[in-house]
Protein backbone atom coordinates (compact mmCIF):
# COMPACT_ATOMS: atom_id res chain seq x y z
CA MET A 1 -71.63 -34.55 -209.84
CA GLN A 2 -72.98 -32.33 -207.34
CA PRO A 3 -76.67 -33.21 -206.53
CA ARG A 4 -79.53 -30.59 -207.35
CA SER A 5 -82.49 -29.98 -204.80
CA THR A 6 -85.71 -30.78 -206.41
CA PRO A 7 -88.37 -28.02 -206.54
CA ASP A 8 -91.06 -29.86 -204.24
CA ILE A 9 -88.45 -30.40 -201.43
CA LEU A 10 -87.25 -26.95 -201.59
CA ASN A 11 -90.46 -25.40 -201.85
CA LEU A 12 -91.61 -27.42 -198.81
CA LEU A 13 -88.67 -26.35 -196.78
CA SER A 14 -89.09 -22.77 -198.03
CA MET A 15 -92.63 -22.57 -196.89
CA ARG A 16 -91.78 -23.65 -193.45
CA ASN A 17 -89.49 -20.52 -193.17
CA THR A 18 -86.26 -22.79 -193.42
CA THR A 19 -83.76 -20.15 -193.65
CA HIS A 20 -80.47 -22.43 -193.40
CA ILE A 21 -79.55 -25.88 -194.56
CA ILE A 22 -76.78 -28.00 -193.45
CA SER A 23 -75.58 -30.70 -195.86
CA PRO A 24 -72.78 -33.11 -195.94
CA ILE A 25 -72.42 -32.67 -199.48
CA PRO A 26 -72.27 -29.49 -201.68
CA LEU A 27 -75.65 -28.41 -203.15
CA ILE A 28 -76.43 -26.58 -206.50
CA ASN A 29 -79.41 -24.29 -206.49
CA SER A 30 -79.76 -20.69 -207.36
CA ASP A 31 -81.61 -19.99 -204.01
CA PHE A 32 -78.61 -21.41 -201.86
CA LEU A 33 -76.05 -19.15 -200.88
CA LEU A 34 -72.88 -20.86 -199.10
CA VAL A 35 -72.20 -19.04 -196.04
CA ASP A 36 -69.86 -21.48 -194.13
CA THR A 37 -67.93 -24.73 -194.25
CA ILE A 38 -67.34 -26.53 -190.96
CA SER A 39 -65.44 -29.65 -190.01
CA PRO A 40 -66.76 -31.15 -186.71
CA SER A 41 -65.09 -34.21 -185.37
CA THR A 42 -64.49 -35.89 -188.65
CA ASP A 43 -62.53 -35.10 -191.63
CA GLU A 44 -65.75 -34.54 -193.91
CA PRO A 45 -66.93 -31.04 -194.03
CA LEU A 46 -70.44 -29.83 -193.46
CA TYR A 47 -71.78 -27.08 -195.90
CA ILE A 48 -74.01 -24.43 -194.48
CA TYR A 49 -76.31 -22.62 -196.95
CA GLN A 50 -78.49 -19.69 -196.49
CA ASN A 51 -81.81 -20.30 -198.24
CA MET A 52 -82.47 -17.02 -199.98
CA GLY A 53 -85.96 -18.31 -201.43
CA SER A 54 -87.46 -19.14 -197.83
CA THR A 55 -90.86 -17.21 -197.25
CA PRO A 56 -91.13 -15.03 -194.13
CA LYS A 57 -92.23 -16.57 -190.82
CA TYR A 58 -95.05 -14.14 -190.83
CA TYR A 59 -96.57 -12.58 -194.08
CA LEU A 60 -99.68 -11.51 -195.88
CA ALA A 61 -100.78 -13.41 -198.94
CA HIS A 62 -103.33 -11.95 -201.46
CA GLN A 63 -103.27 -14.82 -204.02
CA PHE A 64 -104.34 -18.31 -203.51
CA GLN A 65 -104.98 -21.53 -205.25
CA LYS A 66 -107.50 -24.04 -203.96
CA VAL A 67 -106.38 -27.72 -203.50
CA THR A 68 -108.28 -30.88 -202.47
CA THR A 69 -106.01 -33.64 -202.27
CA LEU A 70 -102.44 -34.31 -201.33
CA GLU A 71 -101.64 -35.24 -204.88
CA ASN A 72 -103.05 -31.94 -206.13
CA PHE A 73 -100.84 -30.17 -203.42
CA TYR A 74 -97.48 -31.84 -204.56
CA GLN A 75 -98.26 -31.45 -208.16
CA LEU A 76 -98.66 -27.69 -207.72
CA ILE A 77 -95.60 -27.16 -205.72
CA GLU A 78 -93.63 -29.07 -208.25
CA SER A 79 -95.20 -26.88 -211.07
CA THR A 80 -93.73 -23.51 -212.21
CA ILE A 81 -97.26 -21.91 -212.20
CA PHE A 82 -97.04 -21.81 -208.39
CA ASP A 83 -94.96 -19.12 -206.83
CA ILE A 84 -94.49 -19.54 -203.11
CA GLN A 85 -93.64 -16.05 -202.57
CA SER A 86 -96.85 -14.63 -203.88
CA GLN A 87 -99.19 -17.57 -203.47
CA VAL A 88 -100.73 -19.89 -200.86
CA LEU A 89 -102.47 -23.14 -201.22
CA VAL A 90 -105.64 -23.48 -199.21
CA GLU A 91 -108.32 -26.24 -198.75
CA ASN A 92 -111.39 -24.01 -199.10
CA GLU A 93 -112.35 -20.90 -200.78
CA VAL A 94 -111.22 -17.50 -199.20
CA PRO A 95 -113.50 -14.47 -199.37
CA PHE A 96 -111.46 -12.01 -201.26
CA LYS A 97 -110.37 -11.45 -204.86
CA THR A 98 -106.90 -12.22 -205.64
CA SER A 99 -104.50 -9.29 -206.48
CA SER A 100 -100.98 -8.51 -206.82
CA HIS A 101 -101.16 -4.82 -206.09
CA LYS A 102 -101.08 -3.78 -202.43
CA ILE A 103 -99.27 -2.14 -199.65
CA GLU A 104 -98.73 -3.99 -196.63
CA GLU A 105 -96.64 -4.84 -193.47
CA VAL A 106 -96.59 -7.39 -190.67
CA LYS A 107 -95.10 -6.53 -187.55
CA LEU A 108 -94.12 -8.69 -184.69
CA LEU A 109 -95.36 -7.46 -181.14
CA SER A 110 -94.72 -10.33 -178.95
CA GLU A 111 -93.75 -14.01 -179.25
CA THR A 112 -93.75 -16.95 -176.95
CA ALA A 113 -94.11 -21.00 -177.63
CA ASP A 114 -97.64 -20.68 -177.38
CA ASP A 115 -98.80 -17.09 -177.71
CA LEU A 116 -98.07 -14.79 -180.81
CA VAL A 117 -99.29 -11.13 -181.45
CA LEU A 118 -98.79 -9.49 -184.63
CA GLN A 119 -99.90 -6.22 -186.14
CA THR A 120 -101.00 -6.29 -189.65
CA SER A 121 -101.45 -3.06 -192.11
CA SER A 122 -102.57 -3.48 -195.52
CA THR A 123 -104.49 -1.68 -198.26
CA GLN A 124 -106.17 -4.98 -199.03
CA SER A 125 -107.75 -8.08 -197.30
CA GLY A 126 -105.55 -10.95 -197.27
CA ILE A 127 -104.37 -14.21 -195.57
CA LEU A 128 -101.93 -13.86 -192.69
CA VAL A 129 -99.66 -16.77 -192.96
CA ALA A 130 -97.74 -18.14 -189.92
CA ALA A 131 -95.04 -20.82 -190.17
CA ILE A 132 -96.67 -22.58 -187.16
CA THR A 133 -97.78 -26.04 -187.44
CA TYR A 134 -101.67 -26.10 -187.87
CA TYR A 135 -102.97 -28.01 -185.00
CA PRO A 136 -106.30 -28.06 -183.07
CA GLY A 137 -105.81 -25.98 -179.93
CA TRP A 138 -104.62 -22.92 -181.69
CA LYS A 139 -107.15 -19.95 -181.31
CA ALA A 140 -107.02 -16.59 -183.25
CA THR A 141 -108.48 -13.41 -182.60
CA ILE A 142 -108.40 -10.02 -184.62
CA ASP A 143 -108.66 -6.92 -182.60
CA THR A 144 -109.91 -9.15 -179.61
CA ASN A 145 -112.70 -10.60 -181.67
CA PRO A 146 -112.58 -14.34 -182.58
CA ALA A 147 -111.30 -15.34 -186.01
CA ASN A 148 -111.05 -18.60 -187.84
CA ILE A 149 -107.74 -20.35 -188.35
CA PHE A 150 -107.28 -22.73 -191.42
CA PRO A 151 -104.44 -24.89 -192.86
CA VAL A 152 -102.28 -22.85 -195.54
CA ASN A 153 -99.77 -24.63 -197.59
CA LEU A 154 -100.66 -27.99 -196.13
CA VAL A 155 -99.38 -27.29 -192.54
CA ASN A 156 -99.05 -23.62 -191.80
CA GLN A 157 -101.56 -21.56 -190.02
CA GLY A 158 -103.70 -18.97 -192.03
CA VAL A 159 -106.10 -16.26 -190.83
CA PHE A 160 -108.21 -13.95 -192.97
CA VAL A 161 -107.50 -10.39 -192.23
CA PRO A 162 -109.41 -7.40 -193.58
CA GLU A 163 -107.84 -4.40 -195.03
CA GLY A 164 -106.51 -1.77 -192.53
CA ARG A 165 -104.52 -2.10 -189.57
CA HIS A 166 -105.26 -4.77 -187.02
CA GLU A 167 -103.89 -6.69 -184.09
CA VAL A 168 -103.98 -10.46 -184.60
CA ARG A 169 -103.20 -12.88 -181.72
CA LEU A 170 -102.68 -16.58 -182.07
CA LYS A 171 -102.81 -18.38 -178.85
CA PHE A 172 -102.40 -22.23 -177.95
CA GLN A 173 -105.33 -23.21 -175.81
CA PRO A 174 -106.10 -27.02 -176.24
CA THR A 175 -109.31 -28.59 -174.93
CA SER A 176 -107.55 -31.02 -172.99
CA PHE A 177 -105.73 -28.11 -170.93
CA LYS A 178 -109.03 -26.56 -170.20
CA VAL A 179 -110.80 -29.53 -169.11
CA GLY A 180 -107.64 -30.40 -166.99
CA THR A 181 -107.87 -26.84 -165.61
CA VAL A 182 -111.54 -27.21 -164.64
CA ILE A 183 -111.05 -30.60 -163.05
CA SER A 184 -108.15 -29.25 -161.00
CA LEU A 185 -110.14 -26.24 -159.98
CA ILE A 186 -113.18 -28.57 -158.87
CA GLY A 187 -110.86 -30.94 -157.13
CA TYR A 188 -109.17 -27.96 -155.08
CA SER A 189 -112.68 -26.43 -154.26
CA VAL A 190 -113.88 -29.96 -152.95
CA LEU A 191 -110.70 -30.36 -150.90
CA ILE A 192 -110.92 -26.65 -149.65
CA THR A 193 -114.62 -27.33 -148.94
CA ILE A 194 -113.80 -30.50 -146.95
CA LEU A 195 -110.94 -28.77 -144.74
CA VAL A 196 -113.37 -25.92 -143.93
CA ILE A 197 -116.23 -28.35 -142.74
CA LYS A 198 -113.65 -30.37 -140.60
CA TYR A 199 -112.32 -27.21 -139.01
CA ALA A 200 -115.88 -26.17 -138.36
CA LYS A 201 -116.49 -29.21 -136.69
CA LYS A 202 -113.45 -29.22 -134.79
CA ASN A 203 -114.29 -25.90 -133.36
CA ALA A 204 -117.78 -26.11 -132.81
């Protein structure tokens, strides 16, 4: 019998923008499309599936449900009332009314490992979801103005974005890096000062 993927595992993978899955055994799921079968160094084949139910890497969500515990989170992603394509899970209330009627677009302007710039356009305010691990050190701006980043779907990043067209930037700026930079600059300044004093005394 071919194994079936459970809803919680599939939803977790999909919410992290997992677009393809490699399995040593055949899988049965309506969201999985077999795209290739390869045989590396062994006789056992590997099955490559495209996950048709994966959420986009960056998108706007206009419906949310609040969760307060891990148990609550896993209960919701296993249930049929939660739709990962239209809803997100958040830890705190978001200041907008849930709605399913909107016109929206999220455009990628630039992307590096620690710096992301997106352009959003929507007729309603919403949550910009980024399949980037929520971690201290990430900073957000909307049209160069500071914005709050909060966890969405447990591990992704979320930013509340008003209606209209906006440029949203996510940049990784850990405090440790800033402290290290300041210490380095102070160290270089002290070193330069010492060299200047020595040079002045030598030529006095």
